[in-house]
């Protein structure tokens, strides 16, 4: 069972849309360093109160966690788009078997059947 051209195009459009959404979300609280890697922005104006500083450090810590999760998802999306270009999309990277179509519909960045 192979993926139809129409479904492949639909999945690609979903991946591109998700990629754009994630990049926009990352741009809200990160910047790209000289190597093109996203880095969370640290609050520029630390308050004079300890509680303000603690809140800002906690916010930064939260940003780091969100950044890491979004970057992982972005990497999976980019990998899926690359597999599409290479003609290996829809093939489980571990087993070489086809990934279930329903799984791809639910999660187009899937690289395995699990």
PDB file of N, CA and C in Angstrom:
ATOM      1  N   UNK A   1       0.858  -1.174   0.000  1.00  0.00           N
ATOM      2  CA  UNK A   1       0.000   0.000   0.000  1.00  0.00           C
ATOM      3  C   UNK A   1       0.902   1.234   0.000  1.00  0.00           C
ATOM      4  N   UNK A   2       0.810   2.018  -1.024  1.00  0.00           N
ATOM      5  CA  UNK A   2       1.601   3.248  -1.097  1.00  0.00           C
ATOM      6  C   UNK A   2       0.704   4.458  -0.876  1.00  0.00           C
ATOM      7  N   UNK A   3       1.318   5.549  -0.556  1.00  0.00           N
ATOM      8  CA  UNK A   3       0.587   6.787  -0.289  1.00  0.00           C
ATOM      9  C   UNK A   3       0.227   7.436  -1.620  1.00  0.00           C
ATOM     10  N   UNK A   4      -1.035   7.794  -1.766  1.00  0.00           N
ATOM     11  CA  UNK A   4      -1.462   8.442  -3.007  1.00  0.00           C
ATOM     12  C   UNK A   4      -0.811   9.818  -3.121  1.00  0.00           C
ATOM     13  N   UNK A   5      -0.713  10.278  -4.340  1.00  0.00           N
ATOM     14  CA  UNK A   5      -0.108  11.586  -4.599  1.00  0.00           C
ATOM     15  C   UNK A   5      -0.885  12.694  -3.891  1.00  0.00           C
ATOM     16  N   UNK A   6      -2.220  12.592  -3.915  1.00  0.00           N
ATOM     17  CA  UNK A   6      -3.056  13.607  -3.257  1.00  0.00           C
ATOM     18  C   UNK A   6      -2.849  13.614  -1.747  1.00  0.00           C
ATOM     19  N   UNK A   7      -2.800  12.429  -1.147  1.00  0.00           N
ATOM     20  CA  UNK A   7      -2.589  12.356   0.295  1.00  0.00           C
ATOM     21  C   UNK A   7      -1.196  12.857   0.655  1.00  0.00           C
ATOM     22  N   UNK A   8      -0.210  12.501  -0.142  1.00  0.00           N
ATOM     23  CA  UNK A   8       1.152  12.968   0.108  1.00  0.00           C
ATOM     24  C   UNK A   8       1.212  14.496   0.084  1.00  0.00           C
ATOM     25  N   UNK A   9       0.532  15.094  -0.881  1.00  0.00           N
ATOM     26  CA  UNK A   9       0.499  16.559  -0.976  1.00  0.00           C
ATOM     27  C   UNK A   9      -0.212  17.164   0.241  1.00  0.00           C
ATOM     28  N   UNK A  10      -1.290  16.533   0.668  1.00  0.00           N
ATOM     29  CA  UNK A  10      -2.025  17.009   1.845  1.00  0.00           C
ATOM     30  C   UNK A  10      -1.147  16.931   3.096  1.00  0.00           C
ATOM     31  N   UNK A  11      -0.436  15.819   3.252  1.00  0.00           N
ATOM     32  CA  UNK A  11       0.447  15.658   4.410  1.00  0.00           C
ATOM     33  C   UNK A  11       1.597  16.660   4.363  1.00  0.00           C
ATOM     34  N   UNK A  12       2.120  16.902   3.172  1.00  0.00           N
ATOM     35  CA  UNK A  12       3.193  17.882   3.025  1.00  0.00           C
ATOM     36  C   UNK A  12       2.704  19.273   3.417  1.00  0.00           C
ATOM     37  N   UNK A  13       1.515  19.633   2.962  1.00  0.00           N
ATOM     38  CA  UNK A  13       0.951  20.942   3.310  1.00  0.00           C
ATOM     39  C   UNK A  13       0.767  21.072   4.824  1.00  0.00           C
ATOM     40  N   UNK A  14       0.329  19.995   5.464  1.00  0.00           N
ATOM     41  CA  UNK A  14       0.172  20.009   6.919  1.00  0.00           C
ATOM     42  C   UNK A  14       1.517  20.204   7.602  1.00  0.00           C
ATOM     43  N   UNK A  15       2.529  19.483   7.129  1.00  0.00           N
ATOM     44  CA  UNK A  15       3.868  19.616   7.712  1.00  0.00           C
ATOM     45  C   UNK A  15       4.419  21.026   7.546  1.00  0.00           C
ATOM     46  N   UNK A  16       4.264  21.604   6.369  1.00  0.00           N
ATOM     47  CA  UNK A  16       4.757  22.963   6.119  1.00  0.00           C
ATOM     48  C   UNK A  16       4.018  23.963   7.002  1.00  0.00           C
ATOM     49  N   UNK A  17       2.715  23.786   7.131  1.00  0.00           N
ATOM     50  CA  UNK A  17       1.920  24.661   7.988  1.00  0.00           C
ATOM     51  C   UNK A  17       2.364  24.548   9.443  1.00  0.00           C
ATOM     52  N   UNK A  18       2.571  23.315   9.912  1.00  0.00           N
ATOM     53  CA  UNK A  18       3.045  23.105  11.283  1.00  0.00           C
ATOM     54  C   UNK A  18       4.431  23.716  11.482  1.00  0.00           C
ATOM     55  N   UNK A  19       5.289  23.566  10.492  1.00  0.00           N
ATOM     56  CA  UNK A  19       6.640  24.130  10.566  1.00  0.00           C
ATOM     57  C   UNK A  19       6.577  25.648  10.722  1.00  0.00           C
ATOM     58  N   UNK A  20       5.755  26.287   9.906  1.00  0.00           N
ATOM     59  CA  UNK A  20       5.619  27.744   9.981  1.00  0.00           C
ATOM     60  C   UNK A  20       5.064  28.185  11.321  1.00  0.00           C
ATOM     61  N   UNK A  21       4.068  27.446  11.839  1.00  0.00           N
ATOM     62  CA  UNK A  21       3.471  27.775  13.129  1.00  0.00           C
ATOM     63  C   UNK A  21       4.506  27.671  14.251  1.00  0.00           C
ATOM     64  N   UNK A  22       5.291  26.609  14.241  1.00  0.00           N
ATOM     65  CA  UNK A  22       6.302  26.410  15.281  1.00  0.00           C
ATOM     66  C   UNK A  22       7.381  27.480  15.203  1.00  0.00           C
ATOM     67  N   UNK A  23       7.814  27.815  13.990  1.00  0.00           N
ATOM     68  CA  UNK A  23       8.837  28.857  13.847  1.00  0.00           C
ATOM     69  C   UNK A  23       8.325  30.193  14.360  1.00  0.00           C
ATOM     70  N   UNK A  24       7.069  30.520  14.076  1.00  0.00           N
ATOM     71  CA  UNK A  24       6.498  31.774  14.573  1.00  0.00           C
ATOM     72  C   UNK A  24       6.413  31.762  16.087  1.00  0.00           C
ATOM     73  N   UNK A  25       6.049  30.623  16.646  1.00  0.00           N
ATOM     74  CA  UNK A  25       5.971  30.507  18.100  1.00  0.00           C
ATOM     75  C   UNK A  25       7.357  30.690  18.723  1.00  0.00           C
ATOM     76  N   UNK A  26       8.370  30.067  18.139  1.00  0.00           N
ATOM     77  CA  UNK A  26       9.736  30.206  18.640  1.00  0.00           C
ATOM     78  C   UNK A  26      10.222  31.649  18.558  1.00  0.00           C
ATOM     79  N   UNK A  27       9.846  32.342  17.503  1.00  0.00           N
ATOM     80  CA  UNK A  27      10.288  33.731  17.322  1.00  0.00           C
ATOM     81  C   UNK A  27       9.736  34.664  18.393  1.00  0.00           C
ATOM     82  N   UNK A  28       8.668  34.258  19.081  1.00  0.00           N
ATOM     83  CA  UNK A  28       8.074  35.090  20.126  1.00  0.00           C
ATOM     84  C   UNK A  28       8.969  35.218  21.357  1.00  0.00           C
ATOM     85  N   UNK A  29       9.782  34.193  21.625  1.00  0.00           N
ATOM     86  CA  UNK A  29      10.554  34.229  22.864  1.00  0.00           C
ATOM     87  C   UNK A  29      11.990  33.720  22.703  1.00  0.00           C
ATOM     88  N   UNK A  30      12.448  33.606  21.457  1.00  0.00           N
ATOM     89  CA  UNK A  30      13.827  33.184  21.216  1.00  0.00           C
ATOM     90  C   UNK A  30      14.466  34.084  20.173  1.00  0.00           C
ATOM     91  N   UNK A  31      15.743  33.853  19.967  1.00  0.00           N
ATOM     92  CA  UNK A  31      16.460  34.472  18.856  1.00  0.00           C
ATOM     93  C   UNK A  31      17.368  33.395  18.277  1.00  0.00           C
ATOM     94  N   UNK A  32      17.806  33.583  17.057  1.00  0.00           N
ATOM     95  CA  UNK A  32      18.741  32.629  16.465  1.00  0.00           C
ATOM     96  C   UNK A  32      20.154  33.125  16.712  1.00  0.00           C
ATOM     97  N   UNK A  33      21.008  32.216  17.159  1.00  0.00           N
ATOM     98  CA  UNK A  33      22.397  32.601  17.375  1.00  0.00           C
ATOM     99  C   UNK A  33      23.142  32.601  16.045  1.00  0.00           C
ATOM    100  N   UNK A  34      24.436  32.837  16.074  1.00  0.00           N
ATOM    101  CA  UNK A  34      25.227  32.948  14.842  1.00  0.00           C
ATOM    102  C   UNK A  34      25.255  31.650  14.039  1.00  0.00           C
ATOM    103  N   UNK A  35      24.922  30.532  14.692  1.00  0.00           N
ATOM    104  CA  UNK A  35      24.899  29.237  14.004  1.00  0.00           C
ATOM    105  C   UNK A  35      23.496  28.868  13.533  1.00  0.00           C
ATOM    106  N   UNK A  36      22.538  29.786  13.717  1.00  0.00           N
ATOM    107  CA  UNK A  36      21.169  29.541  13.274  1.00  0.00           C
ATOM    108  C   UNK A  36      20.351  28.688  14.220  1.00  0.00           C
ATOM    109  N   UNK A  37      20.828  28.541  15.452  1.00  0.00           N
ATOM    110  CA  UNK A  37      20.138  27.738  16.455  1.00  0.00           C
ATOM    111  C   UNK A  37      19.304  28.659  17.338  1.00  0.00           C
ATOM    112  N   UNK A  38      18.064  28.254  17.621  1.00  0.00           N
ATOM    113  CA  UNK A  38      17.209  29.053  18.491  1.00  0.00           C
ATOM    114  C   UNK A  38      17.728  29.025  19.917  1.00  0.00           C
ATOM    115  N   UNK A  39      17.683  30.199  20.572  1.00  0.00           N
ATOM    116  CA  UNK A  39      18.038  30.318  21.982  1.00  0.00           C
ATOM    117  C   UNK A  39      16.984  31.167  22.665  1.00  0.00           C
ATOM    118  N   UNK A  40      16.532  30.694  23.822  1.00  0.00           N
ATOM    119  CA  UNK A  40      15.517  31.441  24.573  1.00  0.00           C
ATOM    120  C   UNK A  40      16.090  32.774  25.029  1.00  0.00           C
ATOM    121  N   UNK A  41      15.267  33.816  24.958  1.00  0.00           N
ATOM    122  CA  UNK A  41      15.674  35.136  25.426  1.00  0.00           C
ATOM    123  C   UNK A  41      15.558  35.195  26.941  1.00  0.00           C
ATOM    124  N   UNK A  42      16.577  35.735  27.577  1.00  0.00           N
ATOM    125  CA  UNK A  42      16.538  35.953  29.017  1.00  0.00           C
ATOM    126  C   UNK A  42      15.926  37.321  29.254  1.00  0.00           C
ATOM    127  N   UNK A  43      15.091  37.475  30.277  1.00  0.00           N
ATOM    128  CA  UNK A  43      14.506  38.793  30.549  1.00  0.00           C
ATOM    129  C   UNK A  43      15.594  39.859  30.650  1.00  0.00           C
ATOM    130  N   UNK A  44      15.406  40.957  29.932  1.00  0.00           N
ATOM    131  CA  UNK A  44      16.434  41.995  29.879  1.00  0.00           C
ATOM    132  C   UNK A  44      16.470  42.866  31.121  1.00  0.00           C
ATOM    133  N   UNK A  45      15.326  43.078  31.723  1.00  0.00           N
ATOM    134  CA  UNK A  45      15.265  43.995  32.851  1.00  0.00           C
ATOM    135  C   UNK A  45      14.928  43.219  34.119  1.00  0.00           C
ATOM    136  N   UNK A  46      15.961  42.737  34.784  1.00  0.00           N
ATOM    137  CA  UNK A  46      15.711  42.050  36.042  1.00  0.00           C
ATOM    138  C   UNK A  46      15.248  43.062  37.074  1.00  0.00           C
ATOM    139  N   UNK A  47      14.220  42.693  37.802  1.00  0.00           N
ATOM    140  CA  UNK A  47      13.677  43.601  38.802  1.00  0.00           C
ATOM    141  C   UNK A  47      14.609  43.746  39.989  1.00  0.00           C
ATOM    142  N   UNK A  48      14.288  44.696  40.831  1.00  0.00           N
ATOM    143  CA  UNK A  48      15.125  44.945  42.003  1.00  0.00           C
ATOM    144  C   UNK A  48      14.715  44.075  43.185  1.00  0.00           C
ATOM    145  N   UNK A  49      13.551  43.475  43.098  1.00  0.00           N
ATOM    146  CA  UNK A  49      13.053  42.624  44.179  1.00  0.00           C
ATOM    147  C   UNK A  49      13.443  41.170  43.911  1.00  0.00           C
ATOM    148  N   UNK A  50      13.775  40.472  44.992  1.00  0.00           N
ATOM    149  CA  UNK A  50      14.120  39.059  44.842  1.00  0.00           C
ATOM    150  C   UNK A  50      12.993  38.272  44.182  1.00  0.00           C
ATOM    151  N   UNK A  51      11.762  38.559  44.580  1.00  0.00           N
ATOM    152  CA  UNK A  51      10.631  37.816  44.025  1.00  0.00           C
ATOM    153  C   UNK A  51      10.505  38.078  42.521  1.00  0.00           C
ATOM    154  N   UNK A  52      10.789  39.309  42.093  1.00  0.00           N
ATOM    155  CA  UNK A  52      10.760  39.615  40.652  1.00  0.00           C
ATOM    156  C   UNK A  52      11.840  38.823  39.932  1.00  0.00           C
ATOM    157  N   UNK A  53      13.033  38.794  40.502  1.00  0.00           N
ATOM    158  CA  UNK A  53      14.132  38.048  39.894  1.00  0.00           C
ATOM    159  C   UNK A  53      13.799  36.567  39.818  1.00  0.00           C
ATOM    160  N   UNK A  54      13.243  36.030  40.890  1.00  0.00           N
ATOM    161  CA  UNK A  54      12.884  34.611  40.908  1.00  0.00           C
ATOM    162  C   UNK A  54      11.839  34.311  39.833  1.00  0.00           C
ATOM    163  N   UNK A  55      10.871  35.191  39.692  1.00  0.00           N
ATOM    164  CA  UNK A  55       9.842  34.997  38.666  1.00  0.00           C
ATOM    165  C   UNK A  55      10.439  35.049  37.264  1.00  0.00           C
ATOM    166  N   UNK A  56      11.368  35.955  37.043  1.00  0.00           N
ATOM    167  CA  UNK A  56      11.985  36.082  35.718  1.00  0.00           C
ATOM    168  C   UNK A  56      12.873  34.881  35.404  1.00  0.00           C
ATOM    169  N   UNK A  57      13.577  34.386  36.398  1.00  0.00           N
ATOM    170  CA  UNK A  57      14.397  33.192  36.189  1.00  0.00           C
ATOM    171  C   UNK A  57      13.496  31.989  35.927  1.00  0.00           C
ATOM    172  N   UNK A  58      12.386  31.901  36.638  1.00  0.00           N
ATOM    173  CA  UNK A  58      11.432  30.812  36.410  1.00  0.00           C
ATOM    174  C   UNK A  58      10.839  30.908  35.003  1.00  0.00           C
ATOM    175  N   UNK A  59      10.516  32.118  34.581  1.00  0.00           N
ATOM    176  CA  UNK A  59       9.989  32.323  33.230  1.00  0.00           C
ATOM    177  C   UNK A  59      11.011  31.881  32.182  1.00  0.00           C
ATOM    178  N   UNK A  60      12.267  32.221  32.401  1.00  0.00           N
ATOM    179  CA  UNK A  60      13.330  31.821  31.482  1.00  0.00           C
ATOM    180  C   UNK A  60      13.449  30.302  31.439  1.00  0.00           C
ATOM    181  N   UNK A  61      13.384  29.683  32.590  1.00  0.00           N
ATOM    182  CA  UNK A  61      13.448  28.224  32.672  1.00  0.00           C
ATOM    183  C   UNK A  61      12.292  27.587  31.907  1.00  0.00           C
ATOM    184  N   UNK A  62      11.110  28.160  32.051  1.00  0.00           N
ATOM    185  CA  UNK A  62       9.944  27.674  31.302  1.00  0.00           C
ATOM    186  C   UNK A  62      10.160  27.835  29.808  1.00  0.00           C
ATOM    187  N   UNK A  63      10.734  28.966  29.416  1.00  0.00           N
ATOM    188  CA  UNK A  63      11.006  29.213  27.995  1.00  0.00           C
ATOM    189  C   UNK A  63      11.958  28.160  27.435  1.00  0.00           C
ATOM    190  N   UNK A  64      12.970  27.797  28.227  1.00  0.00           N
ATOM    191  CA  UNK A  64      13.931  26.789  27.781  1.00  0.00           C
ATOM    192  C   UNK A  64      13.235  25.458  27.511  1.00  0.00           C
ATOM    193  N   UNK A  65      12.322  25.075  28.393  1.00  0.00           N
ATOM    194  CA  UNK A  65      11.612  23.812  28.228  1.00  0.00           C
ATOM    195  C   UNK A  65      10.717  23.845  26.990  1.00  0.00           C
ATOM    196  N   UNK A  66       9.987  24.938  26.809  1.00  0.00           N
ATOM    197  CA  UNK A  66       9.119  25.068  25.641  1.00  0.00           C
ATOM    198  C   UNK A  66       9.961  25.100  24.372  1.00  0.00           C
ATOM    199  N   UNK A  67      11.058  25.827  24.411  1.00  0.00           N
ATOM    200  CA  UNK A  67      11.956  25.897  23.253  1.00  0.00           C
ATOM    201  C   UNK A  67      12.439  24.505  22.861  1.00  0.00           C
ATOM    202  N   UNK A  68      12.864  23.724  23.834  1.00  0.00           N
ATOM    203  CA  UNK A  68      13.371  22.377  23.560  1.00  0.00           C
ATOM    204  C   UNK A  68      12.292  21.509  22.915  1.00  0.00           C
ATOM    205  N   UNK A  69      11.076  21.574  23.434  1.00  0.00           N
ATOM    206  CA  UNK A  69       9.983  20.777  22.875  1.00  0.00           C
ATOM    207  C   UNK A  69       9.645  21.208  21.454  1.00  0.00           C
ATOM    208  N   UNK A  70       9.565  22.513  21.230  1.00  0.00           N
ATOM    209  CA  UNK A  70       9.251  23.009  19.891  1.00  0.00           C
ATOM    210  C   UNK A  70      10.361  22.668  18.900  1.00  0.00           C
ATOM    211  N   UNK A  71      11.608  22.758  19.338  1.00  0.00           N
ATOM    212  CA  UNK A  71      12.724  22.427  18.451  1.00  0.00           C
ATOM    213  C   UNK A  71      12.723  20.943  18.077  1.00  0.00           C
ATOM    214  N   UNK A  72      12.380  20.071  19.032  1.00  0.00           N
ATOM    215  CA  UNK A  72      12.288  18.637  18.733  1.00  0.00           C
ATOM    216  C   UNK A  72      11.214  18.383  17.678  1.00  0.00           C
ATOM    217  N   UNK A  73      10.077  19.031  17.850  1.00  0.00           N
ATOM    218  CA  UNK A  73       8.989  18.846  16.893  1.00  0.00           C
ATOM    219  C   UNK A  73       9.378  19.410  15.524  1.00  0.00           C
ATOM    220  N   UNK A  74      10.039  20.546  15.510  1.00  0.00           N
ATOM    221  CA  UNK A  74      10.499  21.145  14.256  1.00  0.00           C
ATOM    222  C   UNK A  74      11.490  20.218  13.550  1.00  0.00           C
ATOM    223  N   UNK A  75      12.366  19.596  14.310  1.00  0.00           N
ATOM    224  CA  UNK A  75      13.334  18.659  13.736  1.00  0.00           C
ATOM    225  C   UNK A  75      12.616  17.460  13.104  1.00  0.00           C
ATOM    226  N   UNK A  76      11.592  16.945  13.777  1.00  0.00           N
ATOM    227  CA  UNK A  76      10.825  15.820  13.236  1.00  0.00           C
ATOM    228  C   UNK A  76      10.120  16.216  11.943  1.00  0.00           C
ATOM    229  N   UNK A  77       9.584  17.423  11.913  1.00  0.00           N
ATOM    230  CA  UNK A  77       8.910  17.912  10.711  1.00  0.00           C
ATOM    231  C   UNK A  77       9.902  18.058   9.569  1.00  0.00           C
ATOM    232  N   UNK A  78      11.047  18.666   9.849  1.00  0.00           N
ATOM    233  CA  UNK A  78      12.065  18.824   8.807  1.00  0.00           C
ATOM    234  C   UNK A  78      12.552  17.474   8.294  1.00  0.00           C
ATOM    235  N   UNK A  79      12.693  16.505   9.195  1.00  0.00           N
ATOM    236  CA  UNK A  79      13.095  15.163   8.781  1.00  0.00           C
ATOM    237  C   UNK A  79      12.038  14.539   7.865  1.00  0.00           C
ATOM    238  N   UNK A  80      10.769  14.708   8.219  1.00  0.00           N
ATOM    239  CA  UNK A  80       9.685  14.158   7.401  1.00  0.00           C
ATOM    240  C   UNK A  80       9.681  14.806   6.013  1.00  0.00           C
ATOM    241  N   UNK A  81       9.862  16.116   5.966  1.00  0.00           N
ATOM    242  CA  UNK A  81       9.902  16.805   4.668  1.00  0.00           C
ATOM    243  C   UNK A  81      11.093  16.327   3.837  1.00  0.00           C
ATOM    244  N   UNK A  82      12.208  16.081   4.497  1.00  0.00           N
ATOM    245  CA  UNK A  82      13.389  15.573   3.797  1.00  0.00           C
ATOM    246  C   UNK A  82      13.119  14.173   3.235  1.00  0.00           C
ATOM    247  N   UNK A  83      12.466  13.324   4.052  1.00  0.00           N
ATOM    248  CA  UNK A  83      12.124  11.989   3.572  1.00  0.00           C
ATOM    249  C   UNK A  83      11.179  12.059   2.380  1.00  0.00           C
ATOM    250  N   UNK A  84      10.289  13.040   2.376  1.00  0.00           N
ATOM    251  CA  UNK A  84       9.400  13.222   1.215  1.00  0.00           C
ATOM    252  C   UNK A  84      10.218  13.514  -0.036  1.00  0.00           C
ATOM    253  N   UNK A  85      11.185  14.418   0.097  1.00  0.00           N
ATOM    254  CA  UNK A  85      12.037  14.777  -1.041  1.00  0.00           C
ATOM    255  C   UNK A  85      12.841  13.570  -1.526  1.00  0.00           C
ATOM    256  N   UNK A  86      13.277  12.739  -0.597  1.00  0.00           N
ATOM    257  CA  UNK A  86      14.116  11.584  -0.939  1.00  0.00           C
ATOM    258  C   UNK A  86      13.304  10.376  -1.412  1.00  0.00           C
ATOM    259  N   UNK A  87      11.967  10.460  -1.230  1.00  0.00           N
ATOM    260  CA  UNK A  87      11.119   9.341  -1.641  1.00  0.00           C
ATOM    261  C   UNK A  87      11.034   8.226  -0.626  1.00  0.00           C
ATOM    262  N   UNK A  88      11.443   8.491   0.618  1.00  0.00           N
ATOM    263  CA  UNK A  88      11.392   7.470   1.663  1.00  0.00           C
ATOM    264  C   UNK A  88      10.338   7.763   2.721  1.00  0.00           C
ATOM    265  N   UNK A  89       9.520   8.769   2.490  1.00  0.00           N
ATOM    266  CA  UNK A  89       8.473   9.125   3.452  1.00  0.00           C
ATOM    267  C   UNK A  89       7.463   7.983   3.531  1.00  0.00           C
ATOM    268  N   UNK A  90       7.012   7.704   4.744  1.00  0.00           N
ATOM    269  CA  UNK A  90       6.024   6.650   4.949  1.00  0.00           C
ATOM    270  C   UNK A  90       6.651   5.290   5.205  1.00  0.00           C
ATOM    271  N   UNK A  91       7.970   5.251   5.267  1.00  0.00           N
ATOM    272  CA  UNK A  91       8.690   4.024   5.561  1.00  0.00           C
ATOM    273  C   UNK A  91       9.278   4.130   6.969  1.00  0.00           C
ATOM    274  N   UNK A  92       8.997   3.128   7.801  1.00  0.00           N
ATOM    275  CA  UNK A  92       9.505   3.099   9.173  1.00  0.00           C
ATOM    276  C   UNK A  92      11.029   3.095   9.134  1.00  0.00           C
ATOM    277  N   UNK A  93      11.645   4.071   9.799  1.00  0.00           N
ATOM    278  CA  UNK A  93      13.103   4.204   9.753  1.00  0.00           C
ATOM    279  C   UNK A  93      13.810   3.064  10.474  1.00  0.00           C
ATOM    280  N   UNK A  94      13.097   2.358  11.354  1.00  0.00           N
ATOM    281  CA  UNK A  94      13.708   1.253  12.094  1.00  0.00           C
ATOM    282  C   UNK A  94      13.532  -0.096  11.402  1.00  0.00           C
ATOM    283  N   UNK A  95      12.356  -0.310  10.823  1.00  0.00           N
ATOM    284  CA  UNK A  95      12.052  -1.631  10.275  1.00  0.00           C
ATOM    285  C   UNK A  95      12.059  -1.684   8.753  1.00  0.00           C
ATOM    286  N   UNK A  96      11.924  -0.531   8.106  1.00  0.00           N
ATOM    287  CA  UNK A  96      11.847  -0.516   6.649  1.00  0.00           C
ATOM    288  C   UNK A  96      10.468  -0.861   6.118  1.00  0.00           C
ATOM    289  N   UNK A  97       9.507  -1.083   7.013  1.00  0.00           N
ATOM    290  CA  UNK A  97       8.134  -1.391   6.602  1.00  0.00           C
ATOM    291  C   UNK A  97       7.341  -0.099   6.460  1.00  0.00           C
ATOM    292  N   UNK A  98       6.249  -0.188   5.703  1.00  0.00           N
ATOM    293  CA  UNK A  98       5.408   0.994   5.516  1.00  0.00           C
ATOM    294  C   UNK A  98       4.730   1.392   6.828  1.00  0.00           C
ATOM    295  N   UNK A  99       4.666   2.709   7.050  1.00  0.00           N
ATOM    296  CA  UNK A  99       3.956   3.235   8.211  1.00  0.00           C
ATOM    297  C   UNK A  99       2.471   3.261   7.878  1.00  0.00           C
ATOM    298  N   UNK A 100       1.659   2.873   8.837  1.00  0.00           N
ATOM    299  CA  UNK A 100       0.213   2.851   8.669  1.00  0.00           C
ATOM    300  C   UNK A 100      -0.282   4.235   8.227  1.00  0.00           C
ATOM    301  N   UNK A 101      -1.103   4.258   7.199  1.00  0.00           N
ATOM    302  CA  UNK A 101      -1.642   5.518   6.647  1.00  0.00           C
ATOM    303  C   UNK A 101      -2.383   6.311   7.718  1.00  0.00           C
ATOM    304  N   UNK A 102      -3.149   5.639   8.547  1.00  0.00           N
ATOM    305  CA  UNK A 102      -3.899   6.340   9.595  1.00  0.00           C
ATOM    306  C   UNK A 102      -2.955   7.025  10.578  1.00  0.00           C
ATOM    307  N   UNK A 103      -1.827   6.395  10.848  1.00  0.00           N
ATOM    308  CA  UNK A 103      -0.830   7.024  11.729  1.00  0.00           C
ATOM    309  C   UNK A 103      -0.279   8.281  11.083  1.00  0.00           C
ATOM    310  N   UNK A 104       0.026   8.227   9.802  1.00  0.00           N
ATOM    311  CA  UNK A 104       0.543   9.403   9.108  1.00  0.00           C
ATOM    312  C   UNK A 104      -0.485  10.522   9.056  1.00  0.00           C
ATOM    313  N   UNK A 105      -1.743  10.160   8.881  1.00  0.00           N
ATOM    314  CA  UNK A 105      -2.804  11.181   8.877  1.00  0.00           C
ATOM    315  C   UNK A 105      -2.899  11.860  10.244  1.00  0.00           C
ATOM    316  N   UNK A 106      -2.756  11.063  11.308  1.00  0.00           N
ATOM    317  CA  UNK A 106      -2.851  11.608  12.661  1.00  0.00           C
ATOM    318  C   UNK A 106      -1.607  12.389  13.043  1.00  0.00           C
ATOM    319  N   UNK A 107      -0.446  11.925  12.553  1.00  0.00           N
ATOM    320  CA  UNK A 107       0.830  12.563  12.899  1.00  0.00           C
ATOM    321  C   UNK A 107       1.752  12.490  11.693  1.00  0.00           C
ATOM    322  N   UNK A 108       1.655  13.469  10.802  1.00  0.00           N
ATOM    323  CA  UNK A 108       2.420  13.419   9.541  1.00  0.00           C
ATOM    324  C   UNK A 108       3.940  13.370   9.703  1.00  0.00           C
ATOM    325  N   UNK A 109       4.471  13.741  10.855  1.00  0.00           N
ATOM    326  CA  UNK A 109       5.921  13.712  11.064  1.00  0.00           C
ATOM    327  C   UNK A 109       6.399  12.342  11.559  1.00  0.00           C
ATOM    328  N   UNK A 110       5.494  11.381  11.660  1.00  0.00           N
ATOM    329  CA  UNK A 110       5.854  10.057  12.170  1.00  0.00           C
ATOM    330  C   UNK A 110       6.955   9.439  11.313  1.00  0.00           C
ATOM    331  N   UNK A 111       7.912   8.823  12.003  1.00  0.00           N
ATOM    332  CA  UNK A 111       8.987   8.141  11.289  1.00  0.00           C
ATOM    333  C   UNK A 111       8.991   6.644  11.583  1.00  0.00           C
ATOM    334  N   UNK A 112       8.078   6.241  12.483  1.00  0.00           N
ATOM    335  CA  UNK A 112       7.955   4.823  12.831  1.00  0.00           C
ATOM    336  C   UNK A 112       6.486   4.454  12.986  1.00  0.00           C
ATOM    337  N   UNK A 113       6.211   3.176  13.065  1.00  0.00           N
ATOM    338  CA  UNK A 113       4.851   2.689  13.296  1.00  0.00           C
ATOM    339  C   UNK A 113       4.486   2.705  14.771  1.00  0.00           C
ATOM    340  N   UNK A 114       5.429   3.000  15.615  1.00  0.00           N
ATOM    341  CA  UNK A 114       5.177   2.973  17.069  1.00  0.00           C
ATOM    342  C   UNK A 114       4.906   4.359  17.575  1.00  0.00           C
TER     343      UNK A 114
END
